[in-house]
């Protein structure tokens, strides 16, 4: 996290192969200083190379992960 935080309102989006789905945020308007936010995985194709992206003071990508069918 940045030492000089200028925006504490966060947005989390799902990315696949580096393409961010900014039109369908998983969470938005939360305080990034809370340290966590609850999201629900949307109905998407199974596969790998997914990541969560946090926008707030800066953009942060999670490690890549796989989504499997239930």
Protein backbone atom coordinates (compact mmCIF):
# COMPACT_ATOMS: atom_id res chain seq x y z
CA UNK A 1 0.00 0.00 0.00
CA UNK A 2 1.19 3.49 -0.81
CA UNK A 3 2.68 5.53 2.03
CA UNK A 4 0.84 8.66 0.86
CA UNK A 5 -2.74 7.48 0.44
CA UNK A 6 -4.82 9.92 -1.58
CA UNK A 7 -7.89 7.75 -2.29
CA UNK A 8 -9.23 5.30 0.30
CA UNK A 9 -12.30 4.19 -1.70
CA UNK A 10 -11.63 0.82 -3.30
CA UNK A 11 -12.90 -1.11 -6.30
CA UNK A 12 -12.24 -4.82 -6.94
CA UNK A 13 -12.63 -6.30 -10.42
CA UNK A 14 -11.98 -9.71 -11.92
CA UNK A 15 -9.35 -9.99 -14.65
CA UNK A 16 -8.79 -12.87 -17.10
CA UNK A 17 -5.61 -13.06 -19.17
CA UNK A 18 -4.81 -9.49 -18.10
CA UNK A 19 -8.15 -8.07 -19.28
CA UNK A 20 -9.92 -6.25 -16.45
CA UNK A 21 -13.74 -6.40 -16.31
CA UNK A 22 -14.16 -2.84 -15.08
CA UNK A 23 -17.81 -2.74 -16.23
CA UNK A 24 -18.77 -5.36 -13.59
CA UNK A 25 -16.96 -4.60 -10.31
CA UNK A 26 -17.09 -7.30 -7.64
CA UNK A 27 -16.99 -4.65 -4.90
CA UNK A 28 -16.84 -0.87 -4.87
CA UNK A 29 -16.96 2.08 -2.50
CA UNK A 30 -15.33 0.27 0.42
CA UNK A 31 -12.52 1.68 2.55
CA UNK A 32 -9.20 0.12 1.47
CA UNK A 33 -7.85 0.75 4.97
CA UNK A 34 -10.25 -1.93 6.29
CA UNK A 35 -7.83 -4.51 4.87
CA UNK A 36 -10.53 -6.80 3.41
CA UNK A 37 -13.78 -6.88 1.47
CA UNK A 38 -16.24 -9.73 0.83
CA UNK A 39 -17.00 -10.59 -2.79
CA UNK A 40 -19.05 -13.25 -4.56
CA UNK A 41 -17.48 -15.04 -7.51
CA UNK A 42 -19.61 -14.28 -10.58
CA UNK A 43 -20.74 -16.89 -13.11
CA UNK A 44 -17.76 -17.07 -15.45
CA UNK A 45 -16.12 -19.73 -17.58
CA UNK A 46 -13.91 -22.19 -15.76
CA UNK A 47 -10.25 -21.64 -16.40
CA UNK A 48 -6.94 -20.37 -15.18
CA UNK A 49 -5.15 -17.03 -15.42
CA UNK A 50 -7.80 -15.20 -13.40
CA UNK A 51 -6.76 -12.44 -10.99
CA UNK A 52 -8.41 -9.94 -8.69
CA UNK A 53 -7.48 -6.31 -9.22
CA UNK A 54 -7.76 -3.74 -6.43
CA UNK A 55 -8.13 -0.12 -7.48
CA UNK A 56 -7.86 2.55 -4.84
CA UNK A 57 -4.71 4.50 -4.23
CA UNK A 58 -3.04 2.30 -6.87
CA UNK A 59 -3.84 -0.82 -8.90
CA UNK A 60 -2.78 -4.11 -7.34
CA UNK A 61 -3.06 -7.53 -9.02
CA UNK A 62 -3.48 -10.74 -7.03
CA UNK A 63 -1.51 -13.82 -7.99
CA UNK A 64 -3.20 -15.71 -10.85
CA UNK A 65 -5.67 -18.44 -9.86
CA UNK A 66 -8.06 -21.00 -11.38
CA UNK A 67 -11.86 -20.98 -11.20
CA UNK A 68 -13.41 -24.46 -11.32
CA UNK A 69 -17.02 -25.54 -11.84
CA UNK A 70 -18.93 -26.45 -8.69
